[in-house]
């Protein structure tokens, strides 16, 4: 066995769930879909007649085949059957590969076939990322033997995963499209992201049209029919159709976090009463990603999570109680809640453009300006919504204040008390631009007493329909986080207008960003103080709450 797969074996060996079966059986077969296409299926089980609780998956990633084999053998040793199917057009399955659209019908046909097997006692659906999406795709078609699901690093609100305030998340979906187009694409990734008009990048650099990608980059608003009809409407409704317990696992720096939190909130009352949400400090690959922080209690082992959940719901046949478990970054601890916590109080820090500070009271009226050139965007470093640019994901050490002419930094005094952020921070900015339409970004950081700055959260917002002669207000909303800011640390807030390739570069021109062939330079101004109280708003846990 290749050494790269040793960590999976080690996960099982350290799980606390012993291997009790030395003899296992494995087999490969084909399962017919309703249209006659035969999809490849392989399975493992302990030797004997059973019946066994079965853990099932559907995948489009044949490059991970060796990992699936290891999971199958290790699960069979522990008294489970493991059954995996390759999606249509992948891994030896018949048909044409097209992302997403075939998964509801193909998945429903597959899960009914598993349900019919005499040696299957009960079924748990397990998947991460696209393998989780294939689980969500069948939530309205579950036969009686399916008792629970564990779905990691995916959310059913596709627009939330694709856009922030009308700007496309390149590093997730452009990168994914290039790697899953059904043909090899050799074009440079960053050159592809920069191509204008971007809607034509498929024919210009990728060897031919990808209609589904063009749909992604041109439907920039959540109410566009593309997101409200068809497959994505079907997926948005999936949590509401689910009637069995689901464990949703996420990372604070996974790009599906925002969508997954919405999925948990949208669960039906029947499913929601017995489901669990786990959010830890890791990235899409379950790797720790908070520099400068103690991280000894991450509990970031995917196999451990899976064995614990299905041990409870399949082996012990228990019906869990609803619970939310959040890892506190900077506290290296977990807190449990009966539901997603709401801010118990909001703490405000007002921006002062004259002093370049953050303080609890607004200062004198002032403004600060900078030039935003879309041809020279601020590079993403320390982010929550990256995938291809993996090395830049997480809470990472940041450059010093005002590290570029188009990055404006505001710094607080040392905190007089320890604060725990629980929820969504936001920035309300009073701004003006010489462009009719443009963007503003905000990045929140903790600056340690040693002077090192680490990002906590960042986001972007579009100022649309403005008039260059008038000031406007823009709200920059950030994803939820659990982060402990220690007494003596400072807050830093950087304001700019780009964060690339985490987000598409706004061209400073009105209309759909993907259809713009050119860009324009703009002068951006931020106003603070009387009449323009630009402010950072933090969701703060009340001191003394039980852990």
Protein backbone atom coordinates (compact mmCIF):
# COMPACT_ATOMS: atom_id res chain seq x y z
CA UNK A 1 0.00 0.00 0.00
CA UNK A 2 1.26 3.47 -0.92
CA UNK A 3 2.40 5.44 2.14
CA UNK A 4 0.06 8.31 1.23
CA UNK A 5 -2.85 6.16 2.39
CA UNK A 6 -1.34 5.28 5.79
CA UNK A 7 -3.16 8.12 7.58
CA UNK A 8 -6.52 6.54 6.74
CA UNK A 9 -5.47 3.22 8.26
CA UNK A 10 -4.08 5.04 11.27
CA UNK A 11 -7.38 6.84 11.73
CA UNK A 12 -9.22 3.56 12.08
CA UNK A 13 -6.57 2.13 14.38
CA UNK A 14 -6.82 5.13 16.72
CA UNK A 15 -10.61 5.46 16.56
CA UNK A 16 -11.34 3.35 19.63
CA UNK A 17 -13.52 1.08 17.47
CA UNK A 18 -11.70 -2.27 17.30
CA UNK A 19 -11.45 -4.55 14.28
CA UNK A 20 -13.45 -7.67 15.20
CA UNK A 21 -13.77 -9.47 11.83
CA UNK A 22 -10.69 -10.96 10.21
CA UNK A 23 -12.50 -12.44 7.21
CA UNK A 24 -14.10 -9.98 4.79
CA UNK A 25 -15.70 -10.25 1.38
CA UNK A 26 -15.42 -7.81 -1.51
CA UNK A 27 -17.16 -7.68 -4.86
CA UNK A 28 -17.81 -5.43 -7.84
CA UNK A 29 -21.01 -5.21 -9.86
CA UNK A 30 -23.14 -2.86 -11.97
CA UNK A 31 -26.45 -1.32 -11.00
CA UNK A 32 -28.95 -0.18 -13.61
CA UNK A 33 -30.49 3.28 -13.59
CA UNK A 34 -34.04 3.93 -14.71
CA UNK A 35 -32.82 4.84 -18.21
CA UNK A 36 -30.76 1.64 -18.52
CA UNK A 37 -27.31 3.12 -17.85
CA UNK A 38 -25.15 0.76 -15.79
CA UNK A 39 -23.17 2.39 -12.99
CA UNK A 40 -20.17 0.72 -11.36
CA UNK A 41 -20.59 -0.39 -7.74
CA UNK A 42 -18.11 -2.10 -5.42
CA UNK A 43 -18.69 -3.28 -1.89
CA UNK A 44 -17.11 -4.84 1.20
CA UNK A 45 -18.70 -6.69 4.12
CA UNK A 46 -17.75 -9.10 6.88
CA UNK A 47 -17.78 -12.70 5.73
CA UNK A 48 -21.12 -14.35 6.40
CA UNK A 49 -24.79 -13.85 5.75
CA UNK A 50 -25.29 -10.79 7.91
CA UNK A 51 -27.35 -8.70 7.86
CA UNK A 52 -24.98 -5.76 8.39
CA UNK A 53 -25.39 -2.04 8.83
CA UNK A 54 -24.16 -0.50 5.57
CA UNK A 55 -22.35 2.78 4.99
CA UNK A 56 -22.85 3.99 1.42
CA UNK A 57 -21.27 6.63 -0.79
CA UNK A 58 -21.58 7.95 -4.35
CA UNK A 59 -18.46 9.52 -5.89
CA UNK A 60 -17.28 11.19 -9.10
CA UNK A 61 -13.61 10.97 -8.11
CA UNK A 62 -11.96 7.77 -9.39
CA UNK A 63 -8.57 9.22 -8.44
CA UNK A 64 -9.58 8.50 -4.82
CA UNK A 65 -10.38 4.83 -5.52
CA UNK A 66 -7.59 3.50 -3.31
CA UNK A 67 -8.94 5.50 -0.38
CA UNK A 68 -12.41 4.01 -0.88
CA UNK A 69 -10.93 0.52 -0.87
CA UNK A 70 -9.19 1.18 2.44
CA UNK A 71 -12.37 2.57 3.99
CA UNK A 72 -14.28 -0.48 2.76
CA UNK A 73 -11.87 -3.00 4.24
CA UNK A 74 -11.50 -1.16 7.55
CA UNK A 75 -15.26 -0.75 7.93
CA UNK A 76 -15.87 -4.43 7.12
CA UNK A 77 -13.41 -5.38 9.86
CA UNK A 78 -15.56 -3.36 12.25
CA UNK A 79 -18.89 -4.95 11.38
CA UNK A 80 -20.15 -2.68 8.60
CA UNK A 81 -20.81 -3.22 4.94
CA UNK A 82 -19.40 -0.50 2.71
CA UNK A 83 -21.00 0.14 -0.69
CA UNK A 84 -19.73 2.76 -3.15
CA UNK A 85 -21.04 3.78 -6.57
CA UNK A 86 -19.31 5.91 -9.20
CA UNK A 87 -21.46 8.66 -10.66
CA UNK A 88 -22.60 8.54 -14.25
CA UNK A 89 -19.72 8.90 -16.72
CA UNK A 90 -16.99 8.51 -14.07
CA UNK A 91 -14.88 5.67 -12.69
CA UNK A 92 -16.14 3.04 -15.11
CA UNK A 93 -19.84 3.95 -14.94
CA UNK A 94 -21.73 4.30 -18.20
CA UNK A 95 -23.24 7.53 -19.48
CA UNK A 96 -22.04 11.07 -19.99
CA UNK A 97 -20.57 13.02 -17.07
CA UNK A 98 -22.40 16.24 -16.31
CA UNK A 99 -21.98 17.63 -12.80
CA UNK A 100 -24.95 17.52 -10.42
CA UNK A 101 -27.97 17.11 -12.67
CA UNK A 102 -28.15 13.30 -12.78
CA UNK A 103 -27.53 12.73 -9.08
CA UNK A 104 -31.14 12.83 -7.81
CA UNK A 105 -32.44 10.11 -10.13
CA UNK A 106 -29.26 8.01 -10.21
CA UNK A 107 -28.86 8.27 -6.46
CA UNK A 108 -32.48 7.32 -5.81
CA UNK A 109 -32.12 4.23 -8.03
CA UNK A 110 -28.91 3.26 -6.24
CA UNK A 111 -30.24 3.67 -2.69
CA UNK A 112 -33.34 1.62 -3.50
CA UNK A 113 -31.07 -1.14 -4.80
CA UNK A 114 -29.06 -1.07 -1.58
CA UNK A 115 -32.28 -1.15 0.43
CA UNK A 116 -33.32 -4.34 -1.41
CA UNK A 117 -30.19 -6.30 -0.44
CA UNK A 118 -31.02 -9.04 2.07
CA UNK A 119 -27.61 -8.71 3.76
CA UNK A 120 -28.12 -5.01 4.51
CA UNK A 121 -29.79 -4.37 7.87
CA UNK A 122 -29.70 -0.57 7.93
CA UNK A 123 -28.10 2.22 5.89
CA UNK A 124 -26.08 5.28 6.76
CA UNK A 125 -25.12 7.72 3.99
CA UNK A 126 -21.66 9.25 4.32
CA UNK A 127 -19.96 11.82 2.11
CA UNK A 128 -17.68 14.84 2.04
CA UNK A 129 -17.80 17.64 -0.54
CA UNK A 130 -19.27 16.32 -3.83
CA UNK A 131 -19.90 13.01 -2.06
CA UNK A 132 -22.04 14.95 0.41
CA UNK A 133 -23.94 16.64 -2.42
CA UNK A 134 -24.90 13.22 -3.79
CA UNK A 135 -26.34 12.49 -0.35
CA UNK A 136 -28.36 15.71 -0.20
CA UNK A 137 -29.63 14.91 -3.71
CA UNK A 138 -31.58 11.85 -2.48
CA UNK A 139 -33.08 13.21 0.75
CA UNK A 140 -36.60 13.09 -0.68
CA UNK A 141 -36.22 9.51 -1.93
CA UNK A 142 -35.00 7.60 1.12
CA UNK A 143 -36.26 4.01 1.58
CA UNK A 144 -36.96 2.56 5.06
CA UNK A 145 -33.53 1.12 5.82
CA UNK A 146 -31.80 4.53 5.61
CA UNK A 147 -31.50 5.66 9.24
CA UNK A 148 -29.03 8.57 9.25
CA UNK A 149 -26.57 10.61 7.20
CA UNK A 150 -23.20 12.26 7.82
CA UNK A 151 -22.55 15.02 5.27
CA UNK A 152 -19.37 17.07 5.50
CA UNK A 153 -18.12 20.21 3.78
CA UNK A 154 -21.10 20.90 1.56
CA UNK A 155 -24.20 23.07 1.68
CA UNK A 156 -27.35 22.99 -0.40
CA UNK A 157 -27.56 26.77 -0.99
CA UNK A 158 -25.46 26.88 -4.14
CA UNK A 159 -25.67 30.62 -4.63
CA UNK A 160 -24.13 31.16 -1.19
CA UNK A 161 -21.23 28.93 -2.18
CA UNK A 162 -20.86 30.65 -5.56
CA UNK A 163 -21.22 34.34 -4.77
CA UNK A 164 -20.70 37.01 -2.17
CA UNK A 165 -22.60 40.20 -2.92
CA UNK A 166 -22.61 39.47 -6.65
CA UNK A 167 -18.92 38.60 -6.96
CA UNK A 168 -18.05 35.07 -8.03
CA UNK A 169 -15.91 32.81 -5.86
CA UNK A 170 -13.29 31.97 -8.50
CA UNK A 171 -11.08 29.83 -6.32
CA UNK A 172 -13.92 27.42 -5.69
CA UNK A 173 -15.93 27.11 -8.85
CA UNK A 174 -13.61 28.28 -11.63
CA UNK A 175 -10.97 25.89 -10.33
CA UNK A 176 -13.52 23.09 -9.93
CA UNK A 177 -14.87 23.62 -13.44
CA UNK A 178 -11.37 23.40 -14.92
CA UNK A 179 -10.73 20.12 -13.11
CA UNK A 180 -14.12 18.55 -13.79
CA UNK A 181 -14.97 19.64 -17.32
CA UNK A 182 -14.92 16.10 -18.66
CA UNK A 183 -11.74 16.86 -20.61
CA UNK A 184 -8.22 17.90 -19.75
CA UNK A 185 -7.73 21.66 -19.46
CA UNK A 186 -4.12 22.85 -19.54
CA UNK A 187 -4.77 26.58 -19.39
CA UNK A 188 -3.20 28.59 -16.58
CA UNK A 189 -5.65 28.92 -13.70
CA UNK A 190 -5.01 32.55 -12.76
CA UNK A 191 -4.93 33.59 -16.40
CA UNK A 192 -8.32 31.90 -16.74
CA UNK A 193 -9.70 33.84 -13.78
CA UNK A 194 -8.46 37.11 -15.27
CA UNK A 195 -9.78 36.46 -18.79
CA UNK A 196 -12.25 39.07 -20.08
CA UNK A 197 -15.01 38.88 -20.93
CA UNK A 198 -14.91 35.99 -18.54
CA UNK A 199 -18.05 34.35 -19.89
CA UNK A 200 -16.00 33.39 -22.97
CA UNK A 201 -13.06 31.80 -21.11
CA UNK A 202 -14.30 28.29 -21.92
CA UNK A 203 -14.01 28.72 -25.68
CA UNK A 204 -10.97 31.00 -25.51
CA UNK A 205 -8.76 28.96 -23.18
CA UNK A 206 -10.50 25.69 -22.23
CA UNK A 207 -11.10 24.06 -25.60
CA UNK A 208 -14.83 24.46 -25.96
CA UNK A 209 -18.04 25.66 -24.33
CA UNK A 210 -19.12 24.65 -20.83
CA UNK A 211 -22.75 25.84 -20.70
CA UNK A 212 -23.15 25.05 -17.01
CA UNK A 213 -20.14 27.21 -16.14
CA UNK A 214 -21.52 30.08 -18.20
CA UNK A 215 -24.73 29.76 -16.21
CA UNK A 216 -22.76 30.04 -12.97
CA UNK A 217 -20.88 33.22 -13.92
CA UNK A 218 -23.78 35.12 -15.47
CA UNK A 219 -26.49 34.53 -12.85
CA UNK A 220 -25.14 36.94 -10.26
CA UNK A 221 -28.20 37.50 -8.08
CA UNK A 222 -29.87 35.06 -5.63
CA UNK A 223 -33.29 35.66 -7.16
CA UNK A 224 -32.21 34.85 -10.71
CA UNK A 225 -34.41 32.02 -12.06
CA UNK A 226 -31.34 29.81 -12.51
CA UNK A 227 -30.99 29.48 -8.73
CA UNK A 228 -34.73 29.34 -8.04
CA UNK A 229 -35.63 26.61 -10.53
CA UNK A 230 -34.40 23.20 -11.61
CA UNK A 231 -31.59 21.36 -9.85
CA UNK A 232 -30.47 24.17 -7.53
CA UNK A 233 -34.02 24.79 -6.34
CA UNK A 234 -34.26 21.03 -5.77
CA UNK A 235 -31.08 21.11 -3.67
CA UNK A 236 -32.20 24.18 -1.72
CA UNK A 237 -35.35 22.29 -0.73
CA UNK A 238 -33.45 19.10 0.20
CA UNK A 239 -32.99 19.84 3.94
CA UNK A 240 -36.70 20.55 4.30
CA UNK A 241 -37.49 17.11 2.84
CA UNK A 242 -35.14 15.17 5.10
CA UNK A 243 -36.86 13.23 7.90
CA UNK A 244 -33.92 11.33 9.43
CA UNK A 245 -31.00 12.55 11.59
CA UNK A 246 -28.07 14.15 9.79
CA UNK A 247 -24.70 15.15 11.17
CA UNK A 248 -23.42 18.18 9.25
CA UNK A 249 -19.66 18.68 9.66
CA UNK A 250 -17.97 21.91 8.65
CA UNK A 251 -14.74 23.86 9.07
CA UNK A 252 -14.43 27.54 9.94
CA UNK A 253 -12.19 27.89 6.88
CA UNK A 254 -14.06 25.59 4.49
CA UNK A 255 -15.57 27.28 1.47
CA UNK A 256 -18.98 25.60 1.96
CA UNK A 257 -19.45 26.89 5.52
CA UNK A 258 -21.98 29.63 4.77
CA UNK A 259 -24.17 27.32 2.72
CA UNK A 260 -23.91 24.44 5.21
CA UNK A 261 -25.06 26.63 8.10
CA UNK A 262 -28.13 27.55 6.06
CA UNK A 263 -28.75 23.87 5.31
CA UNK A 264 -28.76 23.05 9.03
CA UNK A 265 -31.19 25.88 9.74
CA UNK A 266 -33.47 24.67 6.92
CA UNK A 267 -33.84 21.09 8.19
CA UNK A 268 -37.37 19.85 8.65
CA UNK A 269 -38.59 19.79 12.27
CA UNK A 270 -38.49 15.98 12.23
CA UNK A 271 -34.86 15.84 11.09
CA UNK A 272 -33.73 18.95 12.92
CA UNK A 273 -34.80 17.66 16.32
CA UNK A 274 -32.25 14.84 16.10
CA UNK A 275 -29.44 16.31 14.00
CA UNK A 276 -26.02 17.66 14.86
CA UNK A 277 -23.81 20.45 13.55
CA UNK A 278 -20.07 20.26 14.14
CA UNK A 279 -17.83 23.17 13.11
CA UNK A 280 -14.09 22.95 13.79
CA UNK A 281 -10.98 24.90 12.92
CA UNK A 282 -9.92 23.22 9.70
CA UNK A 283 -10.03 23.66 5.94
CA UNK A 284 -11.74 21.62 3.22
CA UNK A 285 -9.26 18.79 3.79
CA UNK A 286 -9.76 18.70 7.60
CA UNK A 287 -6.30 20.22 8.06
CA UNK A 288 -5.64 22.72 10.89
CA UNK A 289 -5.25 26.26 9.59
CA UNK A 290 -4.95 28.79 12.41
CA UNK A 291 -1.39 30.04 12.65
CA UNK A 292 -0.13 31.24 16.00
CA UNK A 293 -2.86 29.39 17.92
CA UNK A 294 -2.75 26.39 20.23
CA UNK A 295 -4.62 23.58 18.45
CA UNK A 296 -4.40 20.46 20.60
CA UNK A 297 -8.13 19.66 20.71
CA UNK A 298 -9.22 20.00 17.10
CA UNK A 299 -10.93 16.56 16.80
CA UNK A 300 -10.47 16.85 13.05
CA UNK A 301 -10.32 13.17 12.10
CA UNK A 302 -13.00 12.42 9.50
CA UNK A 303 -13.01 8.66 10.14
CA UNK A 304 -13.39 9.21 13.89
CA UNK A 305 -16.38 11.48 13.29
CA UNK A 306 -17.97 8.97 10.95
CA UNK A 307 -17.48 5.96 13.25
CA UNK A 308 -18.86 7.88 16.24
CA UNK A 309 -21.99 9.03 14.39
CA UNK A 310 -22.86 5.72 12.76
CA UNK A 311 -21.93 3.82 15.91
CA UNK A 312 -24.60 5.84 17.68
CA UNK A 313 -27.27 5.80 14.96
CA UNK A 314 -26.73 2.41 13.25
CA UNK A 315 -25.08 0.10 15.77
CA UNK A 316 -26.67 1.44 18.96
CA UNK A 317 -29.83 2.48 17.09
CA UNK A 318 -30.12 5.70 19.11
CA UNK A 319 -32.00 8.82 18.10
CA UNK A 320 -29.62 11.73 18.89
CA UNK A 321 -30.73 15.01 20.41
CA UNK A 322 -30.19 18.23 18.45
CA UNK A 323 -26.84 19.79 19.26
CA UNK A 324 -24.39 22.32 17.83
CA UNK A 325 -20.69 21.89 18.63
CA UNK A 326 -18.40 24.82 17.82
CA UNK A 327 -14.63 24.88 18.22
CA UNK A 328 -13.42 28.18 19.71
CA UNK A 329 -10.35 29.41 17.81
CA UNK A 330 -7.91 30.92 20.25
CA UNK A 331 -9.46 29.00 23.13
CA UNK A 332 -8.58 25.51 21.85
CA UNK A 333 -11.86 24.22 23.26
CA UNK A 334 -15.34 23.20 22.16
CA UNK A 335 -18.66 24.66 23.25
CA UNK A 336 -22.03 22.95 22.79
CA UNK A 337 -25.31 24.72 22.16
CA UNK A 338 -28.89 23.54 21.58
CA UNK A 339 -28.92 25.52 18.33
CA UNK A 340 -26.75 27.89 16.30
CA UNK A 341 -25.88 30.59 18.84
CA UNK A 342 -27.15 34.10 18.30
CA UNK A 343 -25.17 37.17 19.35
CA UNK A 344 -25.84 37.91 23.01
CA UNK A 345 -24.56 41.43 22.56
CA UNK A 346 -22.96 43.51 19.82
CA UNK A 347 -19.78 45.43 20.44
CA UNK A 348 -19.07 48.34 18.12
CA UNK A 349 -15.75 49.80 17.07
CA UNK A 350 -15.99 53.00 15.04
CA UNK A 351 -13.52 53.73 12.27
CA UNK A 352 -11.59 57.00 12.46
CA UNK A 353 -10.10 57.95 9.08
CA UNK A 354 -8.10 60.81 10.58
CA UNK A 355 -6.39 58.80 13.31
CA UNK A 356 -6.67 55.46 11.46
CA UNK A 357 -8.01 53.86 14.61
CA UNK A 358 -10.90 51.74 15.86
CA UNK A 359 -12.56 53.05 19.00
CA UNK A 360 -15.79 52.60 20.94
CA UNK A 361 -16.94 56.14 20.20
CA UNK A 362 -17.10 57.89 16.81
CA UNK A 363 -14.47 60.53 16.19
CA UNK A 364 -14.46 63.75 14.21
CA UNK A 365 -15.64 63.72 10.63
CA UNK A 366 -12.84 62.56 8.34
CA UNK A 367 -12.16 60.65 5.13
CA UNK A 368 -9.40 58.57 3.58
CA UNK A 369 -9.02 57.75 -0.12
CA UNK A 370 -7.15 55.29 -2.30
CA UNK A 371 -6.98 54.26 -5.95
CA UNK A 372 -8.41 50.88 -6.96
CA UNK A 373 -7.05 49.41 -10.20
CA UNK A 374 -8.73 46.09 -11.15
CA UNK A 375 -5.61 45.15 -13.16
CA UNK A 376 -3.61 45.06 -9.91
CA UNK A 377 -5.87 43.31 -7.37
CA UNK A 378 -5.00 42.58 -3.74
CA UNK A 379 -3.90 38.91 -3.56
CA UNK A 380 -5.86 36.56 -1.29
CA UNK A 381 -3.84 35.59 1.78
CA UNK A 382 -5.67 34.22 4.78
CA UNK A 383 -9.22 33.47 3.64
CA UNK A 384 -12.28 31.29 4.24
CA UNK A 385 -13.43 30.82 0.67
CA UNK A 386 -10.47 29.36 -1.21
CA UNK A 387 -9.99 25.91 -2.72
CA UNK A 388 -7.40 25.84 -5.51
CA UNK A 389 -5.15 28.32 -3.70
CA UNK A 390 -5.07 25.95 -0.75
CA UNK A 391 -1.96 27.37 0.90
CA UNK A 392 -3.73 30.69 1.50
CA UNK A 393 -6.72 29.22 3.39
CA UNK A 394 -7.17 29.88 7.09
CA UNK A 395 -6.24 32.32 9.82
CA UNK A 396 -2.75 33.24 8.65
CA UNK A 397 -0.19 35.85 9.61
CA UNK A 398 -0.81 39.05 7.67
CA UNK A 399 1.47 41.78 6.31
CA UNK A 400 1.83 45.00 8.31
CA UNK A 401 -0.75 47.80 8.28
CA UNK A 402 -1.23 49.72 5.02
CA UNK A 403 0.95 47.19 3.23
CA UNK A 404 -0.25 48.43 -0.16
CA UNK A 405 -1.41 51.88 -1.23
CA UNK A 406 -4.90 50.46 -1.81
CA UNK A 407 -5.13 48.79 1.62
CA UNK A 408 -6.26 51.12 4.42
CA UNK A 409 -5.74 49.85 7.99
CA UNK A 410 -7.51 50.81 11.21
CA UNK A 411 -6.14 49.67 14.59
CA UNK A 412 -7.74 49.53 18.04
CA UNK A 413 -6.19 50.06 21.44
CA UNK A 414 -5.34 46.89 23.41
CA UNK A 415 -8.50 45.09 24.51
CA UNK A 416 -9.32 45.57 28.17
CA UNK A 417 -11.18 42.26 28.39
CA UNK A 418 -11.18 38.89 26.67
CA UNK A 419 -13.92 38.69 24.01
CA UNK A 420 -15.34 35.58 22.36
CA UNK A 421 -16.91 36.18 18.96
CA UNK A 422 -19.87 33.88 18.27
CA UNK A 423 -21.59 34.58 14.99
CA UNK A 424 -21.43 36.99 12.07
CA UNK A 425 -19.38 40.19 12.19
CA UNK A 426 -20.17 43.00 9.78
CA UNK A 427 -18.82 46.37 8.71
CA UNK A 428 -21.02 49.33 7.82
CA UNK A 429 -19.06 51.71 5.60
CA UNK A 430 -19.89 55.18 4.31
CA UNK A 431 -18.11 55.37 0.98
CA UNK A 432 -17.83 57.17 -2.31
CA UNK A 433 -16.33 56.12 -5.65
CA UNK A 434 -15.62 57.72 -8.97
CA UNK A 435 -17.06 54.53 -10.48
CA UNK A 436 -20.80 54.06 -10.94
CA UNK A 437 -20.40 50.53 -9.58
CA UNK A 438 -17.50 49.10 -7.59
CA UNK A 439 -16.57 46.89 -4.63
CA UNK A 440 -15.24 47.26 -1.11
CA UNK A 441 -13.60 44.60 1.03
CA UNK A 442 -13.05 44.29 4.78
CA UNK A 443 -10.63 41.99 6.62
CA UNK A 444 -10.81 41.64 10.39
CA UNK A 445 -7.66 40.64 12.29
CA UNK A 446 -6.34 39.98 15.77
CA UNK A 447 -2.99 41.67 16.48
CA UNK A 448 -1.16 39.93 19.31
CA UNK A 449 0.84 41.79 21.97
CA UNK A 450 3.91 40.65 20.00
CA UNK A 451 2.65 42.62 17.00
CA UNK A 452 1.68 39.72 14.76
CA UNK A 453 -1.62 40.06 12.90
CA UNK A 454 -3.82 37.05 12.03
CA UNK A 455 -6.99 37.30 9.96
CA UNK A 456 -10.26 36.23 11.52
CA UNK A 457 -12.80 36.92 8.81
CA UNK A 458 -13.04 38.83 5.55
CA UNK A 459 -15.68 39.62 2.97
CA UNK A 460 -16.66 41.82 0.04
CA UNK A 461 -19.65 43.92 -1.00
CA UNK A 462 -20.67 45.70 -4.17
CA UNK A 463 -21.70 49.35 -4.27
CA UNK A 464 -24.11 49.47 -7.19
CA UNK A 465 -26.21 52.20 -8.71
CA UNK A 466 -24.14 54.92 -7.09
CA UNK A 467 -23.41 58.41 -8.31
CA UNK A 468 -19.77 59.52 -8.28
CA UNK A 469 -20.69 62.85 -6.69
CA UNK A 470 -22.56 61.27 -3.76
CA UNK A 471 -21.55 59.18 -0.76
CA UNK A 472 -23.32 55.88 -0.12
CA UNK A 473 -23.47 53.20 2.53
CA UNK A 474 -22.38 49.61 2.02
CA UNK A 475 -22.64 46.72 4.49
CA UNK A 476 -19.95 44.05 4.32
CA UNK A 477 -21.30 40.88 5.93
CA UNK A 478 -18.97 38.12 7.09
CA UNK A 479 -19.54 34.42 7.70
CA UNK A 480 -20.03 33.24 11.27
CA UNK A 481 -17.02 32.35 13.40
CA UNK A 482 -16.14 31.34 16.98
CA UNK A 483 -12.96 33.18 17.90
CA UNK A 484 -11.51 34.18 21.27
CA UNK A 485 -9.76 37.54 21.39
CA UNK A 486 -7.55 37.75 24.44
CA UNK A 487 -7.09 40.75 26.71
CA UNK A 488 -4.14 42.82 25.50
CA UNK A 489 -4.63 41.97 21.82
CA UNK A 490 -5.69 44.62 19.34
CA UNK A 491 -8.19 44.56 16.50
CA UNK A 492 -7.18 45.56 13.00
CA UNK A 493 -9.53 46.19 10.11
CA UNK A 494 -8.23 46.51 6.55
CA UNK A 495 -10.43 48.18 3.93
CA UNK A 496 -9.73 47.73 0.21
CA UNK A 497 -11.60 46.84 -2.98
CA UNK A 498 -10.32 43.44 -4.14
CA UNK A 499 -9.42 40.00 -2.80
CA UNK A 500 -8.28 37.83 -5.72
CA UNK A 501 -8.74 34.96 -6.53
CA UNK A 502 -11.04 34.45 -3.55
CA UNK A 503 -13.47 36.74 -5.38
CA UNK A 504 -13.76 37.89 -8.96
CA UNK A 505 -12.20 41.29 -9.55
CA UNK A 506 -14.84 43.97 -9.89
CA UNK A 507 -14.16 45.86 -13.15
CA UNK A 508 -15.51 49.19 -11.82
CA UNK A 509 -18.16 49.09 -14.53
CA UNK A 510 -21.90 48.48 -14.14
CA UNK A 511 -23.54 45.26 -15.24
CA UNK A 512 -22.59 41.59 -15.07
CA UNK A 513 -18.91 41.28 -14.14
CA UNK A 514 -18.43 38.24 -16.41
CA UNK A 515 -19.56 40.09 -19.52
CA UNK A 516 -17.24 43.08 -19.16
CA UNK A 517 -14.38 43.12 -21.72
CA UNK A 518 -12.53 45.97 -19.99
CA UNK A 519 -11.88 47.55 -16.58
CA UNK A 520 -11.62 51.09 -15.24
CA UNK A 521 -9.58 52.69 -12.47
CA UNK A 522 -11.54 54.29 -9.63
CA UNK A 523 -10.79 56.53 -6.66
CA UNK A 524 -12.40 55.16 -3.51
CA UNK A 525 -13.14 57.18 -0.37
CA UNK A 526 -14.17 56.02 3.11
CA UNK A 527 -15.93 58.50 5.41
CA UNK A 528 -16.00 58.26 9.21
CA UNK A 529 -17.21 60.23 12.22
CA UNK A 530 -20.17 62.59 12.49
CA UNK A 531 -22.72 62.03 9.76
CA UNK A 532 -20.84 58.98 8.47
CA UNK A 533 -20.34 56.59 11.41
CA UNK A 534 -18.49 53.77 9.64
CA UNK A 535 -18.38 50.94 12.17
CA UNK A 536 -17.22 47.38 12.82
CA UNK A 537 -19.91 45.35 14.63
CA UNK A 538 -18.86 42.20 16.51
CA UNK A 539 -21.14 39.42 17.88
CA UNK A 540 -19.83 38.92 21.41
CA UNK A 541 -20.59 36.12 23.86
CA UNK A 542 -21.69 37.29 27.30
CA UNK A 543 -19.00 36.51 29.84
CA UNK A 544 -19.68 33.65 32.21
CA UNK A 545 -21.69 31.48 29.80
CA UNK A 546 -21.19 27.79 30.50
CA UNK A 547 -18.94 25.91 28.13
